[in-house]
């Protein structure tokens, strides 16, 4: 059932594409015949990696920065992809950006943030530790703190993926969506709930970082002291309460997948499509691999939402 009181309005979603750099829009979406045959489902891939930052996050940051003024100083935290997107959009607008990232963050993503003009500060052992420091520092210096998944513009941008995917023929019966801080899932889910309420919307997270799924299932915020997963892009241990509220009425189910399935999914996607995808970008395919009987014979869509790997990761995870 659609949540008519949802804070993300359909009108704002429809207005969002005009605010987004065309390089992030109208991304490839197609049925992968080879992966469909392998997995037993009619598999639709929506590819969000063919753009300057190799991920979907630019859609949201473009909306966010559409009205930014040059004298603004933004601060955010990122595992790497959101920081790249913020850096790309801030650089275009000529505004200052400081990104806080974990000392364990992907070095390729850190280098890309810096090359796009961001001041990068490494702090803490994981994303959530970096985020808490970013929040504190922004308040201290009077900067504008941006929180991916809470900022409504991050949802509006992600929702434009849904506007494109819903035009797909065949229409998906199930959409498997990576769940991190919630922007991707909640944006796309809002569109499908409004225009195609019969579509099953399934959030997918790593077993090694299950806080969001556990929180949604238990109807209360569940936190963890540590995460243990290769999927850094969705490695959340401190859920955003608003993101959990956004999931209500939009989520049919949630699944957890293990690292081994993600590694298999990355190799299969590379083998059958030539695409380079990071662990967070393949959790939908991993969910199919772990739940073949559940999805067998259905038309299933998933979003390849990121493809930022280090050279070492590419050799380790993709070479067969």
Protein backbone atom coordinates (compact mmCIF):
# COMPACT_ATOMS: atom_id res chain seq x y z
CA UNK A 1 0.00 0.00 0.00
CA UNK A 2 1.28 3.46 -0.91
CA UNK A 3 2.15 5.80 1.94
CA UNK A 4 0.45 9.03 0.85
CA UNK A 5 2.03 10.96 3.71
CA UNK A 6 5.57 10.04 2.65
CA UNK A 7 8.00 12.95 2.94
CA UNK A 8 9.27 12.29 -0.60
CA UNK A 9 6.76 13.83 -2.99
CA UNK A 10 6.09 12.50 -6.48
CA UNK A 11 6.00 16.09 -7.74
CA UNK A 12 9.59 16.70 -6.56
CA UNK A 13 10.71 13.41 -8.08
CA UNK A 14 9.25 14.38 -11.45
CA UNK A 15 11.02 17.74 -11.24
CA UNK A 16 14.39 16.21 -10.32
CA UNK A 17 15.72 15.14 -13.76
CA UNK A 18 15.88 18.76 -14.93
CA UNK A 19 18.35 19.47 -12.11
CA UNK A 20 20.68 16.53 -12.86
CA UNK A 21 23.68 16.50 -15.16
CA UNK A 22 22.62 14.42 -18.20
CA UNK A 23 25.66 12.17 -17.74
CA UNK A 24 23.83 10.50 -14.82
CA UNK A 25 20.47 10.06 -16.55
CA UNK A 26 18.90 7.46 -18.87
CA UNK A 27 21.38 4.77 -17.91
CA UNK A 28 21.38 1.36 -19.64
CA UNK A 29 18.68 -1.09 -18.61
CA UNK A 30 18.28 -4.43 -20.30
CA UNK A 31 17.49 -8.11 -19.87
CA UNK A 32 20.74 -10.04 -19.59
CA UNK A 33 19.98 -13.22 -21.50
CA UNK A 34 23.11 -15.02 -20.31
CA UNK A 35 22.62 -14.16 -16.64
CA UNK A 36 18.92 -14.95 -16.94
CA UNK A 37 19.72 -18.41 -18.22
CA UNK A 38 22.27 -18.95 -15.46
CA UNK A 39 20.05 -17.70 -12.62
CA UNK A 40 16.65 -19.02 -13.67
CA UNK A 41 14.99 -15.60 -13.63
CA UNK A 42 14.38 -13.02 -16.35
CA UNK A 43 17.03 -10.64 -15.06
CA UNK A 44 16.91 -6.93 -15.77
CA UNK A 45 20.08 -4.99 -15.03
CA UNK A 46 19.99 -1.22 -14.50
CA UNK A 47 23.59 -0.03 -14.90
CA UNK A 48 24.60 3.05 -12.88
CA UNK A 49 28.37 2.79 -13.34
CA UNK A 50 28.91 4.44 -16.74
CA UNK A 51 29.44 8.02 -15.61
CA UNK A 52 32.30 10.16 -14.24
CA UNK A 53 32.04 8.72 -10.71
CA UNK A 54 31.00 5.12 -11.55
CA UNK A 55 27.96 5.14 -9.26
CA UNK A 56 24.39 6.41 -8.90
CA UNK A 57 25.08 8.98 -6.19
CA UNK A 58 25.53 11.88 -8.61
CA UNK A 59 21.78 11.95 -9.22
CA UNK A 60 21.14 13.02 -5.63
CA UNK A 61 24.05 15.41 -5.23
CA UNK A 62 23.10 17.20 -8.44
CA UNK A 63 19.64 17.88 -7.02
CA UNK A 64 21.16 18.92 -3.69
CA UNK A 65 23.63 21.34 -5.25
CA UNK A 66 21.20 22.78 -7.81
CA UNK A 67 20.56 25.83 -5.62
CA UNK A 68 23.94 26.06 -3.85
CA UNK A 69 25.67 29.41 -3.57
CA UNK A 70 29.46 29.80 -4.02
CA UNK A 71 30.14 30.84 -0.42
CA UNK A 72 28.73 27.61 1.07
CA UNK A 73 31.01 25.12 2.83
CA UNK A 74 29.67 21.57 2.78
CA UNK A 75 30.84 18.73 5.01
CA UNK A 76 29.84 15.10 4.59
CA UNK A 77 31.00 11.59 5.38
CA UNK A 78 31.38 8.84 2.86
CA UNK A 79 32.68 5.35 2.27
CA UNK A 80 33.71 6.78 -1.08
CA UNK A 81 30.88 6.93 -3.61
CA UNK A 82 28.78 9.66 -2.02
CA UNK A 83 31.94 11.67 -1.44
CA UNK A 84 32.84 11.40 -5.11
CA UNK A 85 29.38 12.53 -6.08
CA UNK A 86 29.49 15.49 -3.70
CA UNK A 87 32.95 16.41 -5.00
CA UNK A 88 31.77 16.26 -8.61
CA UNK A 89 28.74 18.46 -7.97
CA UNK A 90 30.54 20.88 -5.65
CA UNK A 91 33.38 21.28 -8.13
CA UNK A 92 30.91 22.28 -10.85
CA UNK A 93 29.35 24.85 -8.52
CA UNK A 94 32.66 26.16 -7.20
CA UNK A 95 31.82 25.46 -3.56
CA UNK A 96 34.06 24.07 -0.81
CA UNK A 97 33.69 20.48 0.32
CA UNK A 98 35.27 18.47 3.12
CA UNK A 99 34.69 14.73 3.13
CA UNK A 100 35.34 12.57 6.18
CA UNK A 101 36.18 8.96 5.42
CA UNK A 102 37.36 6.01 7.47
CA UNK A 103 41.05 5.23 7.72
CA UNK A 104 40.06 1.87 6.18
CA UNK A 105 38.24 3.42 3.22
CA UNK A 106 38.85 2.27 -0.35
CA UNK A 107 42.04 4.11 -1.48
CA UNK A 108 40.81 4.33 -5.07
CA UNK A 109 37.67 6.15 -3.90
CA UNK A 110 39.73 8.47 -1.68
CA UNK A 111 42.01 9.36 -4.58
CA UNK A 112 39.03 10.09 -6.80
CA UNK A 113 37.44 12.38 -4.18
CA UNK A 114 40.67 14.34 -3.96
CA UNK A 115 41.08 14.54 -7.73
CA UNK A 116 37.58 15.99 -7.96
CA UNK A 117 38.56 18.79 -5.58
CA UNK A 118 37.42 17.59 -2.16
CA UNK A 119 39.40 18.06 1.02
CA UNK A 120 39.46 14.53 2.46
CA UNK A 121 39.96 13.85 6.16
CA UNK A 122 40.54 10.27 7.29
CA UNK A 123 39.07 9.51 10.70
CA UNK A 124 37.92 6.43 12.60
CA UNK A 125 37.82 2.75 11.76
CA UNK A 126 34.57 2.79 9.77
CA UNK A 127 32.07 5.00 7.98
CA UNK A 128 29.87 5.69 10.99
CA UNK A 129 32.81 6.86 13.10
CA UNK A 130 33.83 9.20 10.29
CA UNK A 131 30.26 10.48 10.04
CA UNK A 132 30.03 11.35 13.71
CA UNK A 133 33.28 13.32 13.49
CA UNK A 134 32.10 15.06 10.33
CA UNK A 135 28.89 16.09 12.07
CA UNK A 136 30.84 17.43 15.05
CA UNK A 137 33.33 19.34 12.93
CA UNK A 138 30.66 20.89 10.72
CA UNK A 139 28.90 22.27 13.79
CA UNK A 140 32.20 23.56 15.17
CA UNK A 141 33.13 25.50 12.02
CA UNK A 142 29.61 26.51 10.98
CA UNK A 143 29.56 24.40 7.81
CA UNK A 144 26.52 22.73 6.23
CA UNK A 145 26.53 19.02 7.16
CA UNK A 146 25.06 16.72 4.51
CA UNK A 147 23.83 13.27 5.51
CA UNK A 148 23.17 10.86 2.69
CA UNK A 149 19.88 9.04 3.23
CA UNK A 150 18.50 11.78 5.47
CA UNK A 151 18.81 14.66 3.02
CA UNK A 152 15.60 14.53 0.98
CA UNK A 153 17.47 15.50 -2.19
CA UNK A 154 19.46 12.25 -2.02
CA UNK A 155 16.16 10.37 -2.24
CA UNK A 156 14.79 12.61 -5.00
CA UNK A 157 17.85 11.93 -7.13
CA UNK A 158 17.80 8.17 -6.52
CA UNK A 159 14.09 8.12 -7.33
CA UNK A 160 14.83 9.15 -10.91
CA UNK A 161 16.29 5.65 -11.35
CA UNK A 162 12.81 4.38 -10.56
CA UNK A 163 11.25 6.71 -13.13
CA UNK A 164 13.47 5.16 -15.80
CA UNK A 165 13.21 1.56 -14.62
CA UNK A 166 9.42 1.64 -14.48
CA UNK A 167 9.39 2.26 -18.25
CA UNK A 168 11.17 -1.05 -18.82
CA UNK A 169 9.46 -3.68 -20.96
CA UNK A 170 9.08 -6.30 -19.58
CA UNK A 171 8.04 -4.71 -16.31
CA UNK A 172 9.76 -6.22 -13.28
CA UNK A 173 7.69 -8.29 -10.87
CA UNK A 174 10.42 -7.93 -8.24
CA UNK A 175 13.03 -5.22 -7.71
CA UNK A 176 16.05 -6.09 -5.56
CA UNK A 177 17.68 -2.91 -4.24
CA UNK A 178 20.85 -2.44 -2.20
CA UNK A 179 20.15 -1.00 1.25
CA UNK A 180 22.76 1.23 2.89
CA UNK A 181 21.69 4.54 4.37
CA UNK A 182 18.41 4.18 2.50
CA UNK A 183 18.48 6.79 -0.28
CA UNK A 184 18.63 4.30 -3.16
CA UNK A 185 16.01 1.95 -1.79
CA UNK A 186 13.60 4.60 -0.53
CA UNK A 187 13.82 6.72 -3.65
CA UNK A 188 13.17 3.87 -6.08
CA UNK A 189 10.56 2.26 -3.84
CA UNK A 190 8.55 5.50 -3.66
CA UNK A 191 8.21 5.54 -7.45
CA UNK A 192 7.20 1.90 -7.72
CA UNK A 193 4.71 2.11 -4.87
CA UNK A 194 3.04 5.05 -6.62
CA UNK A 195 3.04 3.81 -10.22
CA UNK A 196 3.33 0.01 -9.91
CA UNK A 197 2.13 -1.04 -6.43
CA UNK A 198 1.99 -4.70 -7.48
CA UNK A 199 5.78 -4.85 -7.84
CA UNK A 200 7.57 -6.56 -4.96
CA UNK A 201 10.26 -4.32 -3.43
CA UNK A 202 13.05 -6.13 -1.62
CA UNK A 203 15.87 -4.44 0.29
CA UNK A 204 19.20 -6.29 0.28
CA UNK A 205 22.04 -5.82 2.73
CA UNK A 206 25.20 -7.67 3.74
CA UNK A 207 25.06 -10.27 6.52
CA UNK A 208 28.19 -8.64 7.91
CA UNK A 209 26.47 -5.25 8.22
CA UNK A 210 22.80 -6.04 8.91
CA UNK A 211 21.73 -3.09 11.07
CA UNK A 212 19.23 -1.55 8.66
CA UNK A 213 17.51 -4.83 7.86
CA UNK A 214 17.44 -5.87 11.52
CA UNK A 215 16.01 -2.47 12.45
CA UNK A 216 13.29 -2.69 9.82
CA UNK A 217 12.35 -6.23 10.85
CA UNK A 218 12.25 -5.44 14.57
CA UNK A 219 10.55 -2.02 14.19
CA UNK A 220 13.24 -0.39 16.32
CA UNK A 221 16.72 0.99 15.74
CA UNK A 222 19.32 -1.78 16.02
CA UNK A 223 22.97 -0.75 16.11
CA UNK A 224 26.25 -2.67 15.95
CA UNK A 225 29.72 -1.96 17.29
CA UNK A 226 31.46 -3.38 14.23
CA UNK A 227 30.78 -4.49 10.67
CA UNK A 228 32.49 -7.32 8.77
CA UNK A 229 31.84 -7.15 5.04
CA UNK A 230 33.51 -6.41 1.73
CA UNK A 231 30.48 -4.28 0.79
CA UNK A 232 31.82 -0.96 2.11
CA UNK A 233 29.23 1.09 0.21
CA UNK A 234 26.40 -0.32 2.33
CA UNK A 235 28.41 -0.93 5.49
CA UNK A 236 26.10 0.82 7.96
CA UNK A 237 26.12 -0.01 11.68
CA UNK A 238 24.19 3.07 12.96
CA UNK A 239 20.91 3.37 11.03
CA UNK A 240 19.30 6.73 10.30
CA UNK A 241 15.89 6.61 12.05
CA UNK A 242 14.27 8.71 9.31
CA UNK A 243 15.45 6.25 6.66
CA UNK A 244 13.72 3.45 8.56
CA UNK A 245 10.54 5.52 8.69
CA UNK A 246 10.84 6.05 4.95
CA UNK A 247 10.88 2.27 4.43
CA UNK A 248 7.51 1.79 6.13
CA UNK A 249 4.77 0.92 3.67
CA UNK A 250 7.31 0.65 0.85
CA UNK A 251 9.18 -2.52 1.72
CA UNK A 252 7.82 -5.97 0.98
CA UNK A 253 10.81 -7.88 2.26
CA UNK A 254 14.48 -7.65 3.18
CA UNK A 255 17.30 -10.11 2.62
CA UNK A 256 20.85 -10.49 3.87
CA UNK A 257 23.58 -11.94 1.65
CA UNK A 258 27.09 -13.11 2.45
CA UNK A 259 30.41 -11.96 1.03
CA UNK A 260 30.97 -15.19 -0.88
CA UNK A 261 27.76 -14.67 -2.85
CA UNK A 262 28.78 -11.10 -3.65
CA UNK A 263 32.14 -12.30 -4.95
CA UNK A 264 30.41 -14.88 -7.13
CA UNK A 265 27.97 -12.24 -8.38
CA UNK A 266 30.78 -9.82 -9.29
CA UNK A 267 32.55 -12.52 -11.29
CA UNK A 268 29.36 -13.58 -13.07
CA UNK A 269 28.44 -10.02 -13.99
CA UNK A 270 31.92 -9.40 -15.32
CA UNK A 271 31.99 -12.69 -17.19
CA UNK A 272 28.56 -12.36 -18.81
CA UNK A 273 28.25 -8.58 -19.32
CA UNK A 274 31.79 -7.17 -19.16
CA UNK A 275 30.75 -4.84 -16.35
CA UNK A 276 32.96 -4.02 -13.38
CA UNK A 277 30.81 -3.84 -10.26
CA UNK A 278 31.72 -3.40 -6.61
CA UNK A 279 30.25 -5.62 -3.85
CA UNK A 280 27.52 -3.14 -2.91
CA UNK A 281 26.45 -3.02 -6.53
CA UNK A 282 25.80 -6.74 -6.88
CA UNK A 283 23.85 -7.62 -3.75
CA UNK A 284 20.68 -8.02 -5.82
CA UNK A 285 22.31 -10.69 -7.97
CA UNK A 286 23.79 -12.27 -4.84
CA UNK A 287 20.27 -12.45 -3.37
CA UNK A 288 19.09 -14.37 -6.43
CA UNK A 289 22.01 -16.80 -6.14
CA UNK A 290 21.13 -17.48 -2.50
CA UNK A 291 17.35 -17.69 -3.11
CA UNK A 292 16.96 -19.39 -6.49
CA UNK A 293 13.67 -21.15 -5.72
CA UNK A 294 12.15 -17.99 -4.33
CA UNK A 295 12.66 -15.97 -7.52
CA UNK A 296 12.66 -18.74 -10.14
CA UNK A 297 10.71 -17.88 -13.30
CA UNK A 298 10.01 -14.28 -12.31
CA UNK A 299 11.07 -11.04 -13.98
CA UNK A 300 13.52 -9.52 -11.53
CA UNK A 301 15.30 -6.17 -11.77
CA UNK A 302 18.32 -5.00 -9.84
CA UNK A 303 20.52 -1.92 -9.92
CA UNK A 304 24.27 -2.20 -10.49
CA UNK A 305 24.73 0.90 -8.37
CA UNK A 306 28.53 1.18 -8.11
CA UNK A 307 31.70 0.02 -9.81
CA UNK A 308 34.63 1.51 -7.92
CA UNK A 309 37.30 -1.11 -7.28
CA UNK A 310 40.99 -0.79 -6.56
CA UNK A 311 43.41 -2.54 -8.92
CA UNK A 312 44.04 -5.14 -6.21
CA UNK A 313 40.31 -5.75 -5.74
CA UNK A 314 39.81 -6.11 -9.48
CA UNK A 315 42.50 -8.78 -9.66
CA UNK A 316 41.22 -10.55 -6.54
CA UNK A 317 37.51 -10.50 -7.22
CA UNK A 318 37.03 -10.39 -10.99
CA UNK A 319 39.77 -12.43 -12.59
CA UNK A 320 38.51 -15.94 -13.16
